[in-house]
Amino acid sequence: MKKLVVTLAAAIALCAPTFALAEMDHMNMDHGSMKMDHGGGMMAHGKVIHEEVVSGVKGTFTLLDIKSKMEKMGMKETHHLMVVFTDPKTKKKLSEGEVKFKIMGPDKSEQVKETMAMEGGFGADVTMPAKGKYGIMVRSKLADGKTRDFKFWYVVK
């Protein structure tokens, strides 16, 4: 329970700057690895690591390095992985449903994470401590009831 409270507090703390920045009066700013869409859209944290369309739904995946902040709280998670689903035709966000992440590390270790709905997307803190190639598998069941799987590789340098 204590770990859950600390994880939620960390997620809230990481999102607080997002809400403040969303009030800025700029459109589509790009500050290094943080893309911002202030035109009423969600601010994607971190850098976009993958985009793919599966069965009429576009998944945009972002990754944020949170290792130093989590270490200060005694937590082992190193990154925040997030996905935003949209209808490619209408650009409307699809933010209702359930999403799970499964990550296979370079050492063949596996972790499965339930996501939390946040800012029009779904996210979870994950552990990617070693350099190497990570397999990321995502299973989503959105409001239409259809299950969609997204699979891709990401290299931690």
Protein backbone atom coordinates (compact mmCIF):
# COMPACT_ATOMS: atom_id res chain seq x y z
CA MET A 1 0.00 0.00 0.00
CA LYS A 2 2.83 2.40 0.91
CA LYS A 3 4.52 1.71 -2.43
CA LEU A 4 1.26 2.46 -4.27
CA VAL A 5 0.86 5.77 -2.42
CA VAL A 6 4.46 6.75 -3.22
CA THR A 7 4.02 5.78 -6.88
CA LEU A 8 0.82 7.81 -7.16
CA ALA A 9 2.51 10.77 -5.46
CA ALA A 10 5.38 10.53 -7.95
CA ALA A 11 2.96 10.43 -10.89
CA ILE A 12 1.13 13.48 -9.57
CA ALA A 13 4.40 15.31 -8.96
CA LEU A 14 5.54 14.55 -12.50
CA CYS A 15 2.24 15.76 -13.94
CA ALA A 16 2.12 19.01 -11.96
CA PRO A 17 4.49 20.85 -14.33
CA THR A 18 2.38 19.57 -17.22
CA PHE A 19 -0.72 21.33 -15.95
CA ALA A 20 1.20 24.56 -15.40
CA LEU A 21 2.76 24.44 -18.88
CA ALA A 22 -0.59 23.67 -20.50
CA GLU A 23 -1.76 27.13 -19.49
CA MET A 24 0.91 28.79 -21.65
CA ASP A 25 -0.36 30.58 -24.73
CA HIS A 26 1.83 28.86 -27.32
CA MET A 27 0.97 26.39 -30.02
CA ASN A 28 2.90 23.18 -30.75
CA MET A 29 6.14 24.05 -28.98
CA ASP A 30 9.07 21.63 -29.06
CA HIS A 31 11.50 21.92 -26.15
CA GLY A 32 14.09 19.29 -26.89
CA SER A 33 12.58 15.90 -26.12
CA MET A 34 9.32 17.29 -24.70
CA LYS A 35 6.67 17.97 -27.30
CA MET A 36 3.77 20.15 -26.32
CA ASP A 37 0.46 20.54 -28.05
CA HIS A 38 -1.22 23.49 -26.36
CA GLY A 39 -4.05 23.61 -28.86
CA GLY A 40 -6.35 21.68 -26.52
CA GLY A 41 -4.38 18.45 -26.87
CA MET A 42 -2.49 16.39 -24.35
CA MET A 43 1.10 17.21 -23.61
CA ALA A 44 3.14 14.14 -24.41
CA HIS A 45 5.82 13.55 -21.81
CA GLY A 46 9.29 12.59 -22.92
CA LYS A 47 10.22 11.65 -26.42
CA VAL A 48 8.10 9.81 -28.93
CA ILE A 49 9.61 6.33 -29.30
CA HIS A 50 7.04 4.66 -31.55
CA GLU A 51 3.89 5.34 -33.58
CA GLU A 52 1.76 2.68 -35.21
CA VAL A 53 -1.80 2.18 -36.48
CA VAL A 54 -3.50 -1.11 -35.53
CA SER A 55 -7.07 -1.88 -36.60
CA GLY A 56 -7.94 1.77 -37.19
CA VAL A 57 -6.36 3.14 -33.99
CA LYS A 58 -3.09 5.07 -33.86
CA GLY A 59 -0.88 4.50 -30.82
CA THR A 60 1.73 7.15 -30.02
CA PHE A 61 4.21 5.98 -27.40
CA THR A 62 6.41 8.29 -25.33
CA LEU A 63 9.12 7.55 -22.77
CA LEU A 64 10.35 9.80 -19.98
CA ASP A 65 13.49 9.09 -17.93
CA ILE A 66 12.49 9.36 -14.24
CA LYS A 67 15.34 7.35 -12.72
CA SER A 68 16.88 10.09 -10.56
CA LYS A 69 13.52 11.20 -9.16
CA MET A 70 12.50 7.63 -8.35
CA GLU A 71 15.88 6.82 -6.76
CA LYS A 72 15.39 9.73 -4.36
CA MET A 73 12.16 8.08 -3.22
CA GLY A 74 13.76 4.64 -2.92
CA MET A 75 11.95 3.29 -5.99
CA LYS A 76 13.48 1.08 -8.71
CA GLU A 77 11.43 2.29 -11.70
CA THR A 78 13.53 4.15 -14.26
CA HIS A 79 11.10 5.36 -16.94
CA HIS A 80 7.51 6.47 -17.43
CA LEU A 81 5.97 4.85 -20.51
CA MET A 82 2.83 6.40 -21.94
CA VAL A 83 0.57 5.78 -24.91
CA VAL A 84 -2.07 8.03 -26.44
CA PHE A 85 -4.59 6.41 -28.78
CA THR A 86 -6.28 8.45 -31.50
CA ASP A 87 -8.58 7.91 -34.43
CA PRO A 88 -6.27 8.64 -37.40
CA LYS A 89 -9.12 10.13 -39.43
CA THR A 90 -10.68 12.46 -36.87
CA LYS A 91 -7.59 12.91 -34.63
CA LYS A 92 -9.93 12.37 -31.65
CA LYS A 93 -8.33 10.83 -28.56
CA LEU A 94 -9.58 7.44 -27.47
CA SER A 95 -9.07 7.56 -23.73
CA GLU A 96 -11.57 5.01 -22.41
CA GLY A 97 -10.50 1.42 -21.85
CA GLU A 98 -7.87 -0.84 -20.36
CA VAL A 99 -4.20 -1.06 -21.33
CA LYS A 100 -1.36 -3.30 -20.14
CA PHE A 101 2.35 -3.05 -20.90
CA LYS A 102 4.64 -6.09 -21.06
CA ILE A 103 8.34 -5.37 -21.34
CA MET A 104 11.06 -7.92 -22.04
CA GLY A 105 14.53 -6.74 -21.10
CA PRO A 106 17.85 -7.45 -22.83
CA ASP A 107 18.45 -10.11 -20.14
CA LYS A 108 15.10 -11.78 -21.04
CA SER A 109 13.50 -10.54 -17.80
CA GLU A 110 9.82 -9.62 -18.09
CA GLN A 111 7.56 -7.14 -16.36
CA VAL A 112 3.85 -6.58 -16.78
CA LYS A 113 2.36 -3.23 -15.81
CA GLU A 114 -1.26 -2.15 -15.52
CA THR A 115 -1.61 1.42 -16.76
CA MET A 116 -3.43 4.39 -15.30
CA ALA A 117 -5.51 6.70 -17.46
CA MET A 118 -3.93 10.16 -17.46
CA GLU A 119 -4.20 13.26 -19.63
CA GLY A 120 -6.04 11.45 -22.41
CA GLY A 121 -3.59 8.56 -22.47
CA PHE A 122 -2.46 5.58 -20.44
CA GLY A 123 0.81 5.36 -18.54
CA ALA A 124 2.88 3.38 -16.05
CA ASP A 125 6.28 3.57 -14.42
CA VAL A 126 8.54 0.81 -15.73
CA THR A 127 12.04 -0.50 -15.05
CA MET A 128 14.57 -0.33 -17.88
CA PRO A 129 17.86 -0.17 -15.94
CA ALA A 130 20.34 -1.71 -18.39
CA LYS A 131 21.51 -0.60 -21.79
CA GLY A 132 20.19 -2.75 -24.58
CA LYS A 133 17.16 -3.73 -26.63
CA TYR A 134 13.75 -3.93 -24.91
CA GLY A 135 10.70 -5.59 -26.41
CA ILE A 136 7.55 -3.61 -25.64
CA MET A 137 4.19 -5.29 -26.07
CA VAL A 138 0.96 -3.42 -25.41
CA ARG A 139 -2.51 -4.94 -25.18
CA SER A 140 -5.40 -2.50 -25.33
CA LYS A 141 -9.13 -2.94 -25.08
CA LEU A 142 -10.69 0.43 -25.76
CA ALA A 143 -14.31 1.56 -25.54
CA ASP A 144 -15.23 -0.22 -28.79
CA GLY A 145 -14.48 -3.54 -27.04
CA LYS A 146 -11.90 -4.59 -29.63
CA THR A 147 -8.52 -5.88 -28.44
CA ARG A 148 -5.49 -4.41 -30.18
CA ASP A 149 -1.86 -5.41 -29.69
CA PHE A 150 1.08 -3.12 -30.40
CA LYS A 151 4.63 -4.54 -30.45
CA PHE A 152 7.94 -2.80 -30.99
CA TRP A 153 11.57 -2.65 -29.91
CA TYR A 154 13.25 0.21 -28.06
CA VAL A 155 17.00 0.52 -27.43
CA VAL A 156 18.21 2.08 -24.17
CA LYS A 157 21.62 3.66 -24.83
